[in-house]
């Protein structure tokens, strides 16, 4: 995990609730993505799905 939003790079305080998304990489390992808010999470998902 990171202390930065996976989409915009803003610092996400670790002591506060924030949205996350988990995905599995090609080897089956879980990757956790942190986001500063629901808007960044939704935009990240839309961008990721557009690449599929």
PDB file of N, CA and C in Angstrom:
ATOM      1  N   UNK A   1       0.836  -1.183   0.000  1.00  0.00           N
ATOM      2  CA  UNK A   1       0.000   0.000   0.000  1.00  0.00           C
ATOM      3  C   UNK A   1       0.879   1.243   0.000  1.00  0.00           C
ATOM      4  N   UNK A   2       0.280   2.328  -0.418  1.00  0.00           N
ATOM      5  CA  UNK A   2       0.991   3.593  -0.514  1.00  0.00           C
ATOM      6  C   UNK A   2       0.255   4.639   0.309  1.00  0.00           C
ATOM      7  N   UNK A   3       0.929   5.735   0.604  1.00  0.00           N
ATOM      8  CA  UNK A   3       0.255   6.829   1.298  1.00  0.00           C
ATOM      9  C   UNK A   3      -0.218   7.891   0.312  1.00  0.00           C
ATOM     10  N   UNK A   4      -0.225   7.552  -0.983  1.00  0.00           N
ATOM     11  CA  UNK A   4      -0.675   8.470  -2.024  1.00  0.00           C
ATOM     12  C   UNK A   4      -1.843   7.874  -2.797  1.00  0.00           C
ATOM     13  N   UNK A   5      -2.725   8.753  -3.268  1.00  0.00           N
ATOM     14  CA  UNK A   5      -3.847   8.335  -4.101  1.00  0.00           C
ATOM     15  C   UNK A   5      -3.301   7.707  -5.384  1.00  0.00           C
ATOM     16  N   UNK A   6      -3.830   6.550  -5.751  1.00  0.00           N
ATOM     17  CA  UNK A   6      -3.366   5.832  -6.939  1.00  0.00           C
ATOM     18  C   UNK A   6      -3.677   6.578  -8.233  1.00  0.00           C
ATOM     19  N   UNK A   7      -4.587   7.540  -8.184  1.00  0.00           N
ATOM     20  CA  UNK A   7      -4.935   8.280  -9.398  1.00  0.00           C
ATOM     21  C   UNK A   7      -4.293   9.654  -9.452  1.00  0.00           C
ATOM     22  N   UNK A   8      -4.462  10.463  -8.406  1.00  0.00           N
ATOM     23  CA  UNK A   8      -4.009  11.860  -8.489  1.00  0.00           C
ATOM     24  C   UNK A   8      -2.731  12.144  -7.713  1.00  0.00           C
ATOM     25  N   UNK A   9      -2.304  11.217  -6.852  1.00  0.00           N
ATOM     26  CA  UNK A   9      -1.047  11.378  -6.141  1.00  0.00           C
ATOM     27  C   UNK A   9      -1.104  12.173  -4.857  1.00  0.00           C
ATOM     28  N   UNK A  10      -2.282  12.694  -4.485  1.00  0.00           N
ATOM     29  CA  UNK A  10      -2.395  13.453  -3.240  1.00  0.00           C
ATOM     30  C   UNK A  10      -2.151  12.508  -2.056  1.00  0.00           C
ATOM     31  N   UNK A  11      -1.587  13.039  -0.977  1.00  0.00           N
ATOM     32  CA  UNK A  11      -1.323  12.220   0.211  1.00  0.00           C
ATOM     33  C   UNK A  11      -2.645  11.819   0.858  1.00  0.00           C
ATOM     34  N   UNK A  12      -2.787  10.528   1.154  1.00  0.00           N
ATOM     35  CA  UNK A  12      -3.975   9.985   1.812  1.00  0.00           C
ATOM     36  C   UNK A  12      -3.603   9.696   3.261  1.00  0.00           C
ATOM     37  N   UNK A  13      -4.177  10.441   4.228  1.00  0.00           N
ATOM     38  CA  UNK A  13      -3.837  10.211   5.632  1.00  0.00           C
ATOM     39  C   UNK A  13      -4.168   8.781   6.060  1.00  0.00           C
ATOM     40  N   UNK A  14      -3.200   8.098   6.639  1.00  0.00           N
ATOM     41  CA  UNK A  14      -3.401   6.692   7.008  1.00  0.00           C
ATOM     42  C   UNK A  14      -4.386   6.521   8.151  1.00  0.00           C
ATOM     43  N   UNK A  15      -4.611   7.551   8.958  1.00  0.00           N
ATOM     44  CA  UNK A  15      -5.523   7.442  10.091  1.00  0.00           C
ATOM     45  C   UNK A  15      -6.974   7.711   9.749  1.00  0.00           C
ATOM     46  N   UNK A  16      -7.268   8.003   8.488  1.00  0.00           N
ATOM     47  CA  UNK A  16      -8.626   8.313   8.059  1.00  0.00           C
ATOM     48  C   UNK A  16      -9.130   7.251   7.089  1.00  0.00           C
ATOM     49  N   UNK A  17     -10.461   7.081   7.062  1.00  0.00           N
ATOM     50  CA  UNK A  17     -11.073   6.159   6.110  1.00  0.00           C
ATOM     51  C   UNK A  17     -10.864   6.709   4.708  1.00  0.00           C
ATOM     52  N   UNK A  18     -10.615   5.818   3.770  1.00  0.00           N
ATOM     53  CA  UNK A  18     -10.520   6.187   2.363  1.00  0.00           C
ATOM     54  C   UNK A  18     -10.854   4.968   1.518  1.00  0.00           C
ATOM     55  N   UNK A  19     -11.390   5.185   0.308  1.00  0.00           N
ATOM     56  CA  UNK A  19     -11.731   4.055  -0.553  1.00  0.00           C
ATOM     57  C   UNK A  19     -10.483   3.353  -1.082  1.00  0.00           C
ATOM     58  N   UNK A  20     -10.614   2.058  -1.297  1.00  0.00           N
ATOM     59  CA  UNK A  20      -9.537   1.248  -1.858  1.00  0.00           C
ATOM     60  C   UNK A  20     -10.115   0.332  -2.926  1.00  0.00           C
ATOM     61  N   UNK A  21      -9.247  -0.243  -3.713  1.00  0.00           N
ATOM     62  CA  UNK A  21      -9.618  -1.251  -4.701  1.00  0.00           C
ATOM     63  C   UNK A  21      -8.541  -2.311  -4.684  1.00  0.00           C
ATOM     64  N   UNK A  22      -8.939  -3.563  -4.655  1.00  0.00           N
ATOM     65  CA  UNK A  22      -7.975  -4.654  -4.735  1.00  0.00           C
ATOM     66  C   UNK A  22      -8.133  -5.359  -6.075  1.00  0.00           C
ATOM     67  N   UNK A  23      -7.015  -5.724  -6.662  1.00  0.00           N
ATOM     68  CA  UNK A  23      -6.989  -6.494  -7.908  1.00  0.00           C
ATOM     69  C   UNK A  23      -5.885  -7.534  -7.791  1.00  0.00           C
ATOM     70  N   UNK A  24      -5.960  -8.561  -8.596  1.00  0.00           N
ATOM     71  CA  UNK A  24      -4.909  -9.580  -8.627  1.00  0.00           C
ATOM     72  C   UNK A  24      -4.033  -9.344  -9.850  1.00  0.00           C
ATOM     73  N   UNK A  25      -2.724  -9.456  -9.646  1.00  0.00           N
ATOM     74  CA  UNK A  25      -1.807  -9.304 -10.774  1.00  0.00           C
ATOM     75  C   UNK A  25      -1.739 -10.618 -11.544  1.00  0.00           C
ATOM     76  N   UNK A  26      -0.890 -10.679 -12.546  1.00  0.00           N
ATOM     77  CA  UNK A  26      -0.792 -11.863 -13.405  1.00  0.00           C
ATOM     78  C   UNK A  26      -0.347 -13.115 -12.660  1.00  0.00           C
ATOM     79  N   UNK A  27       0.360 -12.940 -11.542  1.00  0.00           N
ATOM     80  CA  UNK A  27       0.808 -14.085 -10.740  1.00  0.00           C
ATOM     81  C   UNK A  27      -0.181 -14.438  -9.630  1.00  0.00           C
ATOM     82  N   UNK A  28      -1.293 -13.714  -9.549  1.00  0.00           N
ATOM     83  CA  UNK A  28      -2.306 -14.006  -8.541  1.00  0.00           C
ATOM     84  C   UNK A  28      -2.121 -13.281  -7.221  1.00  0.00           C
ATOM     85  N   UNK A  29      -1.119 -12.403  -7.137  1.00  0.00           N
ATOM     86  CA  UNK A  29      -0.899 -11.633  -5.911  1.00  0.00           C
ATOM     87  C   UNK A  29      -1.899 -10.483  -5.842  1.00  0.00           C
ATOM     88  N   UNK A  30      -2.322 -10.168  -4.622  1.00  0.00           N
ATOM     89  CA  UNK A  30      -3.267  -9.080  -4.416  1.00  0.00           C
ATOM     90  C   UNK A  30      -2.527  -7.743  -4.400  1.00  0.00           C
ATOM     91  N   UNK A  31      -3.036  -6.794  -5.170  1.00  0.00           N
ATOM     92  CA  UNK A  31      -2.527  -5.424  -5.169  1.00  0.00           C
ATOM     93  C   UNK A  31      -3.614  -4.541  -4.575  1.00  0.00           C
ATOM     94  N   UNK A  32      -3.247  -3.641  -3.673  1.00  0.00           N
ATOM     95  CA  UNK A  32      -4.202  -2.746  -3.029  1.00  0.00           C
ATOM     96  C   UNK A  32      -3.920  -1.330  -3.495  1.00  0.00           C
ATOM     97  N   UNK A  33      -4.939  -0.675  -4.018  1.00  0.00           N
ATOM     98  CA  UNK A  33      -4.827   0.703  -4.481  1.00  0.00           C
ATOM     99  C   UNK A  33      -5.633   1.594  -3.546  1.00  0.00           C
ATOM    100  N   UNK A  34      -5.000   2.653  -3.029  1.00  0.00           N
ATOM    101  CA  UNK A  34      -5.641   3.624  -2.146  1.00  0.00           C
ATOM    102  C   UNK A  34      -6.058   4.845  -2.958  1.00  0.00           C
ATOM    103  N   UNK A  35      -7.166   5.462  -2.559  1.00  0.00           N
ATOM    104  CA  UNK A  35      -7.661   6.656  -3.238  1.00  0.00           C
ATOM    105  C   UNK A  35      -8.033   7.718  -2.220  1.00  0.00           C
ATOM    106  N   UNK A  36      -7.920   8.995  -2.631  1.00  0.00           N
ATOM    107  CA  UNK A  36      -8.238  10.104  -1.729  1.00  0.00           C
ATOM    108  C   UNK A  36      -9.737  10.268  -1.543  1.00  0.00           C
ATOM    109  N   UNK A  37     -10.525   9.766  -2.477  1.00  0.00           N
ATOM    110  CA  UNK A  37     -11.973   9.877  -2.390  1.00  0.00           C
ATOM    111  C   UNK A  37     -12.638   9.001  -3.434  1.00  0.00           C
ATOM    112  N   UNK A  38     -13.951   8.922  -3.340  1.00  0.00           N
ATOM    113  CA  UNK A  38     -14.711   8.073  -4.254  1.00  0.00           C
ATOM    114  C   UNK A  38     -14.600   8.552  -5.702  1.00  0.00           C
ATOM    115  N   UNK A  39     -14.492   9.860  -5.908  1.00  0.00           N
ATOM    116  CA  UNK A  39     -14.385  10.383  -7.277  1.00  0.00           C
ATOM    117  C   UNK A  39     -13.121   9.864  -7.966  1.00  0.00           C
ATOM    118  N   UNK A  40     -12.002   9.855  -7.259  1.00  0.00           N
ATOM    119  CA  UNK A  40     -10.758   9.336  -7.849  1.00  0.00           C
ATOM    120  C   UNK A  40     -10.851   7.828  -8.070  1.00  0.00           C
ATOM    121  N   UNK A  41     -11.454   7.119  -7.141  1.00  0.00           N
ATOM    122  CA  UNK A  41     -11.608   5.667  -7.305  1.00  0.00           C
ATOM    123  C   UNK A  41     -12.452   5.363  -8.543  1.00  0.00           C
ATOM    124  N   UNK A  42     -13.581   6.068  -8.693  1.00  0.00           N
ATOM    125  CA  UNK A  42     -14.463   5.851  -9.840  1.00  0.00           C
ATOM    126  C   UNK A  42     -13.770   6.197 -11.151  1.00  0.00           C
ATOM    127  N   UNK A  43     -13.035   7.309 -11.174  1.00  0.00           N
ATOM    128  CA  UNK A  43     -12.312   7.703 -12.387  1.00  0.00           C
ATOM    129  C   UNK A  43     -11.228   6.687 -12.729  1.00  0.00           C
ATOM    130  N   UNK A  44     -10.510   6.197 -11.713  1.00  0.00           N
ATOM    131  CA  UNK A  44      -9.464   5.194 -11.924  1.00  0.00           C
ATOM    132  C   UNK A  44     -10.071   3.922 -12.518  1.00  0.00           C
ATOM    133  N   UNK A  45     -11.225   3.495 -11.974  1.00  0.00           N
ATOM    134  CA  UNK A  45     -11.891   2.299 -12.496  1.00  0.00           C
ATOM    135  C   UNK A  45     -12.330   2.511 -13.943  1.00  0.00           C
ATOM    136  N   UNK A  46     -12.875   3.686 -14.251  1.00  0.00           N
ATOM    137  CA  UNK A  46     -13.316   3.978 -15.614  1.00  0.00           C
ATOM    138  C   UNK A  46     -12.135   3.953 -16.581  1.00  0.00           C
ATOM    139  N   UNK A  47     -11.010   4.544 -16.185  1.00  0.00           N
ATOM    140  CA  UNK A  47      -9.814   4.538 -17.030  1.00  0.00           C
ATOM    141  C   UNK A  47      -9.293   3.123 -17.229  1.00  0.00           C
ATOM    142  N   UNK A  48      -9.287   2.347 -16.168  1.00  0.00           N
ATOM    143  CA  UNK A  48      -8.797   0.966 -16.234  1.00  0.00           C
ATOM    144  C   UNK A  48      -9.693   0.117 -17.134  1.00  0.00           C
ATOM    145  N   UNK A  49     -11.007   0.286 -17.003  1.00  0.00           N
ATOM    146  CA  UNK A  49     -11.949  -0.479 -17.816  1.00  0.00           C
ATOM    147  C   UNK A  49     -11.914  -0.051 -19.278  1.00  0.00           C
ATOM    148  N   UNK A  50     -11.564   1.199 -19.552  1.00  0.00           N
ATOM    149  CA  UNK A  50     -11.467   1.681 -20.931  1.00  0.00           C
ATOM    150  C   UNK A  50     -10.315   1.002 -21.665  1.00  0.00           C
ATOM    151  N   UNK A  51      -9.295   0.569 -20.898  1.00  0.00           N
ATOM    152  CA  UNK A  51      -8.144  -0.105 -21.503  1.00  0.00           C
ATOM    153  C   UNK A  51      -8.430  -1.557 -21.851  1.00  0.00           C
ATOM    154  N   UNK A  52      -9.504  -2.126 -21.306  1.00  0.00           N
ATOM    155  CA  UNK A  52      -9.821  -3.552 -21.540  1.00  0.00           C
ATOM    156  C   UNK A  52     -10.435  -3.788 -22.894  1.00  0.00           C
TER     157      UNK A  52
END
